[in-house]
Amino acid sequence: MYHNPSLKNFFNSGFYEDYWPEADDVNSVKHLAKQILLLLEANSGHLLDWRGGHGRYAIWFAKAGLKVTLLDFIGTYLDKARENFKLNNLTADNIEIDSRKTPKNIQADFAVCLNNSVGFMSESEEIKAFKSLNEALRPGAKLLVDCMNLFFLVKPISEGMLEEQREDGCIRKSEGYFDFQSSMV
């Protein structure tokens, strides 16, 4: 399905859950989901959570009354979404597929791509993915994409990061140098 096995292995490794456990803070996610719906002016209709992982935001979109389609290429994430939706007596269409092959028949009114899910493929492959996303949206649909800003990243990368020991015994530390000319760390 996905021609880059190392990328699929990375997301299946549990790295995301281990490194960013705060991403599952229910109150923060709920608040941000409400803000997203306000920004999109999405009171009703069909919302595609593109590259949506395990649906931490999608569940709030469904609770707000929208029809939700969750698309991701990691089956274990979609399995977790199915469990969470079932526990909340909600439904969503879950599609396990490479985002470059987003089905045209979705025809959503809104789409979101959250949590810096852009930039893991080459520019030409990302363009293919966004073209397929565009074809999966109705004319006039609204799209919200969040991604890291180059200038936002420079300071933390340059300064590095040291986090005090967490309850699980892990200590995160990074050091880095940012080259503006190549945009590489």
N, C-alpha and C. Protein backbone atom coordinates (compact mmCIF):
# COMPACT_ATOMS: atom_id res chain seq x y z
N MET A 1 0.82 -1.19 0.00
CA MET A 1 0.00 0.00 0.00
C MET A 1 0.86 1.25 0.00
N TYR A 2 1.75 1.38 0.92
CA TYR A 2 2.57 2.58 1.03
C TYR A 2 3.99 2.20 0.65
N HIS A 3 4.58 2.93 -0.28
CA HIS A 3 5.87 2.47 -0.82
C HIS A 3 7.07 2.83 0.04
N ASN A 4 6.88 3.49 1.17
CA ASN A 4 7.98 3.82 2.06
C ASN A 4 7.82 3.06 3.37
N PRO A 5 8.36 1.83 3.45
CA PRO A 5 8.14 1.03 4.65
C PRO A 5 8.75 1.64 5.90
N SER A 6 9.84 2.39 5.77
CA SER A 6 10.43 2.98 6.97
C SER A 6 9.50 4.03 7.58
N LEU A 7 8.75 4.75 6.76
CA LEU A 7 7.80 5.72 7.29
C LEU A 7 6.66 5.00 8.02
N LYS A 8 6.16 3.95 7.43
CA LYS A 8 5.10 3.17 8.08
C LYS A 8 5.63 2.55 9.38
N ASN A 9 6.86 2.04 9.35
CA ASN A 9 7.45 1.48 10.56
C ASN A 9 7.61 2.54 11.64
N PHE A 10 7.99 3.75 11.25
CA PHE A 10 8.15 4.84 12.21
C PHE A 10 6.82 5.10 12.94
N PHE A 11 5.74 5.26 12.18
CA PHE A 11 4.46 5.56 12.81
C PHE A 11 3.92 4.36 13.60
N ASN A 12 4.22 3.15 13.18
CA ASN A 12 3.79 1.95 13.91
C ASN A 12 4.65 1.67 15.14
N SER A 13 5.77 2.36 15.29
CA SER A 13 6.71 2.06 16.38
C SER A 13 6.23 2.51 17.75
N GLY A 14 5.23 3.36 17.80
CA GLY A 14 4.80 3.92 19.09
C GLY A 14 5.55 5.18 19.46
N PHE A 15 6.46 5.62 18.58
CA PHE A 15 7.24 6.81 18.86
C PHE A 15 6.36 8.01 19.18
N TYR A 16 5.35 8.21 18.37
CA TYR A 16 4.49 9.39 18.55
C TYR A 16 3.85 9.38 19.94
N GLU A 17 3.28 8.24 20.33
CA GLU A 17 2.61 8.15 21.62
C GLU A 17 3.60 8.32 22.77
N ASP A 18 4.79 7.78 22.63
CA ASP A 18 5.78 7.88 23.69
C ASP A 18 6.39 9.27 23.79
N TYR A 19 6.62 9.90 22.64
CA TYR A 19 7.33 11.18 22.65
C TYR A 19 6.40 12.36 22.90
N TRP A 20 5.14 12.26 22.48
CA TRP A 20 4.19 13.36 22.67
C TRP A 20 2.95 12.89 23.42
N PRO A 21 3.09 12.38 24.64
CA PRO A 21 1.91 11.88 25.36
C PRO A 21 0.90 13.00 25.65
N GLU A 22 1.37 14.23 25.73
CA GLU A 22 0.46 15.35 26.01
C GLU A 22 -0.50 15.61 24.85
N ALA A 23 -0.23 15.04 23.68
CA ALA A 23 -1.11 15.23 22.52
C ALA A 23 -2.48 14.59 22.76
N ASP A 24 -2.59 13.72 23.73
CA ASP A 24 -3.87 13.08 24.03
C ASP A 24 -4.59 13.73 25.22
N ASP A 25 -4.18 14.92 25.62
CA ASP A 25 -4.87 15.63 26.69
C ASP A 25 -6.28 15.97 26.22
N VAL A 26 -7.27 15.29 26.79
CA VAL A 26 -8.65 15.37 26.32
C VAL A 26 -9.18 16.80 26.31
N ASN A 27 -8.93 17.56 27.35
CA ASN A 27 -9.46 18.93 27.39
C ASN A 27 -8.84 19.82 26.32
N SER A 28 -7.56 19.68 26.09
CA SER A 28 -6.90 20.47 25.04
C SER A 28 -7.42 20.09 23.67
N VAL A 29 -7.56 18.79 23.42
CA VAL A 29 -8.03 18.32 22.13
C VAL A 29 -9.47 18.80 21.90
N LYS A 30 -10.31 18.66 22.91
CA LYS A 30 -11.71 19.10 22.80
C LYS A 30 -11.79 20.59 22.50
N HIS A 31 -11.01 21.38 23.21
CA HIS A 31 -11.00 22.83 22.99
C HIS A 31 -10.54 23.17 21.58
N LEU A 32 -9.47 22.56 21.14
CA LEU A 32 -8.95 22.84 19.81
C LEU A 32 -9.94 22.39 18.73
N ALA A 33 -10.58 21.24 18.93
CA ALA A 33 -11.59 20.77 17.97
C ALA A 33 -12.72 21.78 17.84
N LYS A 34 -13.17 22.34 18.96
CA LYS A 34 -14.22 23.37 18.91
C LYS A 34 -13.75 24.60 18.15
N GLN A 35 -12.51 25.00 18.38
CA GLN A 35 -11.96 26.17 17.68
C GLN A 35 -11.86 25.91 16.18
N ILE A 36 -11.48 24.70 15.81
CA ILE A 36 -11.38 24.33 14.39
C ILE A 36 -12.75 24.43 13.73
N LEU A 37 -13.77 23.89 14.39
CA LEU A 37 -15.12 23.94 13.83
C LEU A 37 -15.60 25.37 13.68
N LEU A 38 -15.28 26.23 14.64
CA LEU A 38 -15.63 27.65 14.53
C LEU A 38 -14.92 28.29 13.36
N LEU A 39 -13.64 28.03 13.22
CA LEU A 39 -12.85 28.61 12.14
C LEU A 39 -13.38 28.17 10.78
N LEU A 40 -13.74 26.91 10.66
CA LEU A 40 -14.26 26.39 9.40
C LEU A 40 -15.73 26.75 9.17
N GLU A 41 -16.37 27.27 10.22
CA GLU A 41 -17.82 27.52 10.18
C GLU A 41 -18.56 26.23 9.85
N ALA A 42 -18.14 25.16 10.50
CA ALA A 42 -18.67 23.82 10.24
C ALA A 42 -19.72 23.47 11.28
N ASN A 43 -20.96 23.82 11.00
CA ASN A 43 -22.08 23.50 11.89
C ASN A 43 -22.74 22.19 11.52
N SER A 44 -22.62 21.81 10.28
CA SER A 44 -23.19 20.56 9.78
C SER A 44 -22.43 20.19 8.52
N GLY A 45 -22.66 18.99 8.04
CA GLY A 45 -22.00 18.55 6.82
C GLY A 45 -21.05 17.40 7.07
N HIS A 46 -20.18 17.20 6.10
CA HIS A 46 -19.26 16.06 6.06
C HIS A 46 -17.83 16.57 6.21
N LEU A 47 -17.12 16.06 7.21
CA LEU A 47 -15.74 16.49 7.47
C LEU A 47 -14.81 15.29 7.28
N LEU A 48 -13.77 15.51 6.49
CA LEU A 48 -12.72 14.51 6.28
C LEU A 48 -11.53 14.86 7.16
N ASP A 49 -11.20 13.95 8.08
CA ASP A 49 -9.99 14.10 8.90
C ASP A 49 -8.90 13.32 8.16
N TRP A 50 -8.16 14.05 7.33
CA TRP A 50 -7.18 13.50 6.39
C TRP A 50 -5.86 13.30 7.12
N ARG A 51 -5.32 12.10 7.06
CA ARG A 51 -4.13 11.73 7.81
C ARG A 51 -4.43 11.87 9.31
N GLY A 52 -5.63 11.44 9.69
CA GLY A 52 -6.19 11.71 11.01
C GLY A 52 -5.78 10.81 12.14
N GLY A 53 -4.87 9.87 11.90
CA GLY A 53 -4.39 9.02 12.99
C GLY A 53 -5.52 8.26 13.65
N HIS A 54 -5.53 8.29 14.99
CA HIS A 54 -6.53 7.52 15.72
C HIS A 54 -7.78 8.34 16.04
N GLY A 55 -7.93 9.49 15.40
CA GLY A 55 -9.19 10.22 15.47
C GLY A 55 -9.43 11.02 16.73
N ARG A 56 -8.36 11.46 17.38
CA ARG A 56 -8.54 12.21 18.63
C ARG A 56 -9.36 13.48 18.41
N TYR A 57 -9.25 14.10 17.23
CA TYR A 57 -10.08 15.28 16.92
C TYR A 57 -11.39 14.86 16.26
N ALA A 58 -11.32 13.84 15.42
CA ALA A 58 -12.49 13.40 14.67
C ALA A 58 -13.66 13.05 15.59
N ILE A 59 -13.36 12.49 16.75
CA ILE A 59 -14.44 12.12 17.67
C ILE A 59 -15.21 13.36 18.12
N TRP A 60 -14.52 14.48 18.31
CA TRP A 60 -15.18 15.72 18.71
C TRP A 60 -15.97 16.32 17.56
N PHE A 61 -15.48 16.12 16.34
CA PHE A 61 -16.24 16.59 15.18
C PHE A 61 -17.55 15.80 15.06
N ALA A 62 -17.47 14.49 15.32
CA ALA A 62 -18.68 13.66 15.28
C ALA A 62 -19.63 14.03 16.41
N LYS A 63 -19.08 14.30 17.60
CA LYS A 63 -19.93 14.71 18.72
C LYS A 63 -20.64 16.03 18.43
N ALA A 64 -20.04 16.86 17.57
CA ALA A 64 -20.65 18.13 17.19
C ALA A 64 -21.73 17.94 16.12
N GLY A 65 -21.92 16.71 15.66
CA GLY A 65 -22.99 16.40 14.72
C GLY A 65 -22.58 16.30 13.26
N LEU A 66 -21.29 16.38 12.97
CA LEU A 66 -20.85 16.25 11.58
C LEU A 66 -20.69 14.79 11.20
N LYS A 67 -20.91 14.50 9.94
CA LYS A 67 -20.55 13.19 9.39
C LYS A 67 -19.03 13.22 9.27
N VAL A 68 -18.36 12.17 9.74
CA VAL A 68 -16.90 12.16 9.77
C VAL A 68 -16.35 10.99 8.96
N THR A 69 -15.36 11.31 8.15
CA THR A 69 -14.55 10.29 7.49
C THR A 69 -13.12 10.48 8.00
N LEU A 70 -12.54 9.40 8.48
CA LEU A 70 -11.19 9.42 9.01
C LEU A 70 -10.31 8.62 8.07
N LEU A 71 -9.27 9.25 7.54
CA LEU A 71 -8.37 8.60 6.58
C LEU A 71 -6.96 8.58 7.14
N ASP A 72 -6.34 7.40 7.14
CA ASP A 72 -4.95 7.26 7.56
C ASP A 72 -4.40 5.99 6.94
N PHE A 73 -3.08 5.87 6.87
CA PHE A 73 -2.47 4.68 6.28
C PHE A 73 -2.00 3.70 7.34
N ILE A 74 -2.24 4.00 8.61
CA ILE A 74 -1.85 3.11 9.70
C ILE A 74 -3.10 2.44 10.27
N GLY A 75 -3.22 1.15 10.02
CA GLY A 75 -4.39 0.40 10.45
C GLY A 75 -4.60 0.37 11.95
N THR A 76 -3.51 0.31 12.72
CA THR A 76 -3.66 0.26 14.18
C THR A 76 -4.25 1.56 14.71
N TYR A 77 -3.93 2.69 14.07
CA TYR A 77 -4.54 3.96 14.47
C TYR A 77 -6.04 3.93 14.20
N LEU A 78 -6.43 3.43 13.04
CA LEU A 78 -7.85 3.36 12.70
C LEU A 78 -8.58 2.37 13.61
N ASP A 79 -7.92 1.28 14.01
CA ASP A 79 -8.52 0.35 14.96
C ASP A 79 -8.83 1.05 16.28
N LYS A 80 -7.89 1.87 16.75
CA LYS A 80 -8.10 2.62 17.99
C LYS A 80 -9.26 3.61 17.81
N ALA A 81 -9.34 4.24 16.65
CA ALA A 81 -10.45 5.16 16.39
C ALA A 81 -11.78 4.43 16.44
N ARG A 82 -11.85 3.25 15.80
CA ARG A 82 -13.09 2.46 15.82
C ARG A 82 -13.54 2.16 17.25
N GLU A 83 -12.58 1.77 18.09
CA GLU A 83 -12.89 1.48 19.50
C GLU A 83 -13.44 2.72 20.20
N ASN A 84 -12.77 3.86 20.03
CA ASN A 84 -13.20 5.08 20.70
C ASN A 84 -14.56 5.54 20.21
N PHE A 85 -14.79 5.46 18.92
CA PHE A 85 -16.08 5.86 18.38
C PHE A 85 -17.18 4.93 18.91
N LYS A 86 -16.90 3.64 18.95
CA LYS A 86 -17.89 2.67 19.44
C LYS A 86 -18.22 2.93 20.91
N LEU A 87 -17.19 3.19 21.72
CA LEU A 87 -17.41 3.49 23.14
C LEU A 87 -18.28 4.73 23.35
N ASN A 88 -18.24 5.64 22.40
CA ASN A 88 -19.01 6.88 22.48
C ASN A 88 -20.30 6.83 21.66
N ASN A 89 -20.66 5.63 21.19
CA ASN A 89 -21.87 5.45 20.37
C ASN A 89 -21.90 6.39 19.18
N LEU A 90 -20.75 6.53 18.53
CA LEU A 90 -20.62 7.39 17.35
C LEU A 90 -20.14 6.54 16.17
N THR A 91 -20.32 7.08 14.99
CA THR A 91 -19.83 6.38 13.80
C THR A 91 -18.94 7.30 12.98
N ALA A 92 -18.06 6.68 12.25
CA ALA A 92 -17.21 7.38 11.28
C ALA A 92 -16.85 6.38 10.19
N ASP A 93 -16.67 6.88 9.00
CA ASP A 93 -16.14 6.05 7.93
C ASP A 93 -14.63 6.08 8.06
N ASN A 94 -14.03 4.93 8.28
CA ASN A 94 -12.58 4.84 8.42
C ASN A 94 -11.99 4.24 7.15
N ILE A 95 -11.02 4.94 6.58
CA ILE A 95 -10.41 4.50 5.34
C ILE A 95 -8.91 4.34 5.55
N GLU A 96 -8.43 3.10 5.43
CA GLU A 96 -7.00 2.84 5.53
C GLU A 96 -6.42 2.88 4.12
N ILE A 97 -5.71 3.96 3.83
CA ILE A 97 -5.17 4.13 2.48
C ILE A 97 -4.07 5.18 2.50
N ASP A 98 -3.18 5.09 1.59
CA ASP A 98 -2.15 6.09 1.33
C ASP A 98 -2.87 7.38 0.93
N SER A 99 -2.52 8.48 1.55
CA SER A 99 -3.22 9.75 1.30
C SER A 99 -3.08 10.24 -0.14
N ARG A 100 -2.11 9.70 -0.88
CA ARG A 100 -1.98 10.07 -2.29
C ARG A 100 -3.08 9.42 -3.13
N LYS A 101 -3.83 8.53 -2.51
CA LYS A 101 -4.91 7.83 -3.20
C LYS A 101 -6.25 8.10 -2.50
N THR A 102 -6.41 9.30 -1.98
CA THR A 102 -7.65 9.66 -1.31
C THR A 102 -8.82 9.43 -2.26
N PRO A 103 -9.81 8.63 -1.87
CA PRO A 103 -10.92 8.33 -2.77
C PRO A 103 -11.72 9.58 -3.18
N LYS A 104 -11.94 9.71 -4.46
CA LYS A 104 -12.68 10.86 -5.00
C LYS A 104 -14.12 10.90 -4.52
N ASN A 105 -14.68 9.73 -4.24
CA ASN A 105 -16.11 9.69 -3.90
C ASN A 105 -16.44 10.20 -2.50
N ILE A 106 -15.46 10.59 -1.70
CA ILE A 106 -15.74 11.10 -0.36
C ILE A 106 -16.58 12.38 -0.44
N GLN A 107 -16.15 13.33 -1.23
CA GLN A 107 -16.87 14.58 -1.47
C GLN A 107 -17.30 15.28 -0.17
N ALA A 108 -16.31 15.57 0.68
CA ALA A 108 -16.54 16.22 1.97
C ALA A 108 -16.72 17.72 1.80
N ASP A 109 -17.41 18.31 2.75
CA ASP A 109 -17.62 19.76 2.80
C ASP A 109 -16.44 20.46 3.46
N PHE A 110 -15.75 19.71 4.33
CA PHE A 110 -14.63 20.25 5.09
C PHE A 110 -13.55 19.17 5.17
N ALA A 111 -12.31 19.61 5.32
CA ALA A 111 -11.22 18.67 5.56
C ALA A 111 -10.21 19.32 6.49
N VAL A 112 -9.61 18.50 7.33
CA VAL A 112 -8.55 18.96 8.20
C VAL A 112 -7.37 18.01 8.07
N CYS A 113 -6.18 18.56 8.22
CA CYS A 113 -4.95 17.78 8.29
C CYS A 113 -4.18 18.39 9.46
N LEU A 114 -4.20 17.69 10.59
CA LEU A 114 -3.72 18.25 11.84
C LEU A 114 -2.46 17.57 12.36
N ASN A 115 -1.86 18.18 13.36
CA ASN A 115 -0.70 17.62 14.08
C ASN A 115 0.52 17.43 13.20
N ASN A 116 0.78 18.41 12.37
CA ASN A 116 2.00 18.42 11.57
C ASN A 116 2.16 17.16 10.73
N SER A 117 1.08 16.75 10.11
CA SER A 117 1.08 15.53 9.29
C SER A 117 1.53 15.77 7.86
N VAL A 118 2.13 16.90 7.61
CA VAL A 118 2.61 17.25 6.27
C VAL A 118 4.13 17.30 6.32
N GLY A 119 4.76 16.84 5.25
CA GLY A 119 6.22 16.98 5.16
C GLY A 119 6.99 15.69 5.34
N PHE A 120 6.29 14.58 5.44
CA PHE A 120 6.98 13.30 5.60
C PHE A 120 7.33 12.66 4.27
N MET A 121 6.83 13.25 3.19
CA MET A 121 7.13 12.75 1.85
C MET A 121 7.85 13.85 1.08
N SER A 122 8.39 13.50 -0.05
CA SER A 122 9.03 14.50 -0.90
C SER A 122 7.98 15.50 -1.37
N GLU A 123 8.44 16.64 -1.82
CA GLU A 123 7.52 17.68 -2.28
C GLU A 123 6.61 17.17 -3.39
N SER A 124 7.15 16.45 -4.34
CA SER A 124 6.32 15.95 -5.45
C SER A 124 5.26 14.96 -4.96
N GLU A 125 5.61 14.14 -3.98
CA GLU A 125 4.65 13.18 -3.43
C GLU A 125 3.59 13.88 -2.59
N GLU A 126 3.98 14.92 -1.85
CA GLU A 126 2.99 15.71 -1.10
C GLU A 126 2.02 16.38 -2.06
N ILE A 127 2.52 16.88 -3.18
CA ILE A 127 1.65 17.50 -4.19
C ILE A 127 0.65 16.49 -4.71
N LYS A 128 1.10 15.27 -4.99
CA LYS A 128 0.17 14.21 -5.43
C LYS A 128 -0.92 13.98 -4.38
N ALA A 129 -0.49 13.93 -3.12
CA ALA A 129 -1.45 13.69 -2.04
C ALA A 129 -2.48 14.82 -1.96
N PHE A 130 -2.01 16.06 -2.03
CA PHE A 130 -2.94 17.19 -1.93
C PHE A 130 -3.84 17.27 -3.16
N LYS A 131 -3.36 16.87 -4.31
CA LYS A 131 -4.23 16.82 -5.49
C LYS A 131 -5.33 15.80 -5.30
N SER A 132 -4.99 14.65 -4.73
CA SER A 132 -6.03 13.64 -4.50
C SER A 132 -7.00 14.10 -3.42
N LEU A 133 -6.49 14.82 -2.43
CA LEU A 133 -7.38 15.39 -1.42
C LEU A 133 -8.35 16.37 -2.06
N ASN A 134 -7.84 17.24 -2.92
CA ASN A 134 -8.69 18.22 -3.58
C ASN A 134 -9.83 17.55 -4.35
N GLU A 135 -9.53 16.45 -5.00
CA GLU A 135 -10.55 15.73 -5.76
C GLU A 135 -11.59 15.07 -4.86
N ALA A 136 -11.25 14.87 -3.59
CA ALA A 136 -12.16 14.24 -2.64
C ALA A 136 -13.06 15.25 -1.93
N LEU A 137 -12.91 16.53 -2.29
CA LEU A 137 -13.70 17.59 -1.66
C LEU A 137 -14.73 18.14 -2.63
N ARG A 138 -15.84 18.56 -2.09
CA ARG A 138 -16.87 19.20 -2.92
C ARG A 138 -16.36 20.57 -3.35
N PRO A 139 -16.86 21.08 -4.46
CA PRO A 139 -16.50 22.45 -4.85
C PRO A 139 -16.88 23.42 -3.72
N GLY A 140 -15.96 24.29 -3.37
CA GLY A 140 -16.19 25.26 -2.31
C GLY A 140 -15.92 24.75 -0.91
N ALA A 141 -15.44 23.52 -0.80
CA ALA A 141 -15.13 22.95 0.51
C ALA A 141 -14.02 23.76 1.18
N LYS A 142 -13.98 23.71 2.50
CA LYS A 142 -12.96 24.41 3.28
C LYS A 142 -11.96 23.40 3.82
N LEU A 143 -10.68 23.78 3.78
CA LEU A 143 -9.59 22.93 4.23
C LEU A 143 -8.76 23.68 5.26
N LEU A 144 -8.43 23.01 6.35
CA LEU A 144 -7.53 23.57 7.35
C LEU A 144 -6.37 22.60 7.53
N VAL A 145 -5.16 23.11 7.34
CA VAL A 145 -3.94 22.31 7.50
C VAL A 145 -3.06 23.01 8.52
N ASP A 146 -2.62 22.28 9.53
CA ASP A 146 -1.63 22.88 10.43
C ASP A 146 -0.29 22.22 10.16
N CYS A 147 0.74 23.02 10.20
CA CYS A 147 2.09 22.51 9.97
C CYS A 147 3.07 23.41 10.68
N MET A 148 4.25 22.91 10.87
CA MET A 148 5.29 23.68 11.55
C MET A 148 5.75 24.83 10.66
N ASN A 149 6.02 25.93 11.30
CA ASN A 149 6.54 27.11 10.65
C ASN A 149 8.05 27.13 10.83
N LEU A 150 8.77 27.37 9.76
CA LEU A 150 10.23 27.39 9.80
C LEU A 150 10.76 28.27 10.93
N PHE A 151 10.24 29.45 11.07
CA PHE A 151 10.75 30.38 12.08
C PHE A 151 10.38 29.95 13.50
N PHE A 152 9.28 29.24 13.64
CA PHE A 152 8.91 28.69 14.93
C PHE A 152 9.90 27.62 15.36
N LEU A 153 10.40 26.85 14.41
CA LEU A 153 11.27 25.73 14.72
C LEU A 153 12.72 26.11 15.00
N VAL A 154 13.18 27.20 14.44
CA VAL A 154 14.60 27.55 14.53
C VAL A 154 15.08 27.65 15.97
N LYS A 155 14.38 28.41 16.78
CA LYS A 155 14.84 28.62 18.16
C LYS A 155 14.90 27.32 18.95
N PRO A 156 13.81 26.51 18.99
CA PRO A 156 13.93 25.28 19.77
C PRO A 156 14.96 24.30 19.23
N ILE A 157 15.13 24.25 17.92
CA ILE A 157 16.12 23.34 17.35
C ILE A 157 17.52 23.81 17.73
N SER A 158 17.76 25.11 17.60
CA SER A 158 19.08 25.65 17.89
C SER A 158 19.44 25.53 19.37
N GLU A 159 18.45 25.77 20.22
CA GLU A 159 18.71 25.72 21.66
C GLU A 159 18.75 24.30 22.20
N GLY A 160 18.13 23.39 21.48
CA GLY A 160 18.02 22.03 21.98
C GLY A 160 16.90 21.96 23.01
N MET A 161 16.73 20.80 23.58
CA MET A 161 15.64 20.62 24.52
C MET A 161 16.09 19.63 25.58
N LEU A 162 15.77 19.94 26.80
CA LEU A 162 15.99 19.00 27.90
C LEU A 162 14.73 19.01 28.73
N GLU A 163 14.14 17.86 28.87
CA GLU A 163 12.93 17.74 29.67
C GLU A 163 13.27 16.95 30.90
N GLU A 164 12.76 17.40 32.02
CA GLU A 164 13.01 16.68 33.26
C GLU A 164 12.45 15.27 33.15
N GLN A 165 12.93 14.43 34.01
CA GLN A 165 12.50 13.03 33.98
C GLN A 165 11.00 12.93 34.18
N ARG A 166 10.36 12.15 33.31
CA ARG A 166 8.93 11.93 33.40
C ARG A 166 8.64 10.76 34.33
N GLU A 167 7.38 10.55 34.62
CA GLU A 167 6.98 9.45 35.50
C GLU A 167 7.44 8.10 34.98
N ASP A 168 7.49 7.95 33.65
CA ASP A 168 7.88 6.66 33.07
C ASP A 168 9.40 6.46 33.05
N GLY A 169 10.15 7.43 33.60
CA GLY A 169 11.60 7.31 33.67
C GLY A 169 12.35 7.87 32.49
N CYS A 170 11.63 8.30 31.46
CA CYS A 170 12.28 8.83 30.26
C CYS A 170 12.71 10.27 30.46
N ILE A 171 13.83 10.60 29.86
CA ILE A 171 14.30 11.98 29.81
C ILE A 171 14.52 12.29 28.34
N ARG A 172 13.89 13.37 27.86
CA ARG A 172 14.07 13.75 26.46
C ARG A 172 15.11 14.86 26.40
N LYS A 173 16.04 14.71 25.47
CA LYS A 173 17.07 15.72 25.28
C LYS A 173 17.38 15.78 23.80
N SER A 174 17.53 17.00 23.30
CA SER A 174 17.95 17.14 21.91
C SER A 174 18.90 18.31 21.80
N GLU A 175 19.77 18.23 20.84
CA GLU A 175 20.67 19.32 20.50
C GLU A 175 20.59 19.49 19.01
N GLY A 176 20.75 20.69 18.54
CA GLY A 176 20.63 20.84 17.11
C GLY A 176 21.24 22.12 16.57
N TYR A 177 21.37 22.12 15.28
CA TYR A 177 21.84 23.26 14.52
C TYR A 177 20.90 23.38 13.32
N PHE A 178 20.45 24.58 13.03
CA PHE A 178 19.54 24.79 11.91
C PHE A 178 20.24 25.60 10.84
N ASP A 179 20.29 25.04 9.62
CA ASP A 179 20.92 25.70 8.49
C ASP A 179 19.81 26.34 7.64
N PHE A 180 19.74 27.68 7.67
CA PHE A 180 18.70 28.39 6.92
C PHE A 180 18.82 28.17 5.41
N GLN A 181 20.02 28.04 4.93
CA GLN A 181 20.21 27.92 3.48
C GLN A 181 19.60 26.63 2.94
N SER A 182 19.77 25.54 3.68
CA SER A 182 19.24 24.26 3.21
C SER A 182 17.94 23.87 3.90
N SER A 183 17.56 24.63 4.94
CA SER A 183 16.40 24.30 5.78
C SER A 183 16.55 22.92 6.39
N MET A 184 17.76 22.57 6.74
CA MET A 184 18.04 21.27 7.32
C MET A 184 18.57 21.42 8.73
N VAL A 185 18.29 20.41 9.53
CA VAL A 185 18.78 20.37 10.91
C VAL A 185 20.11 19.67 10.91
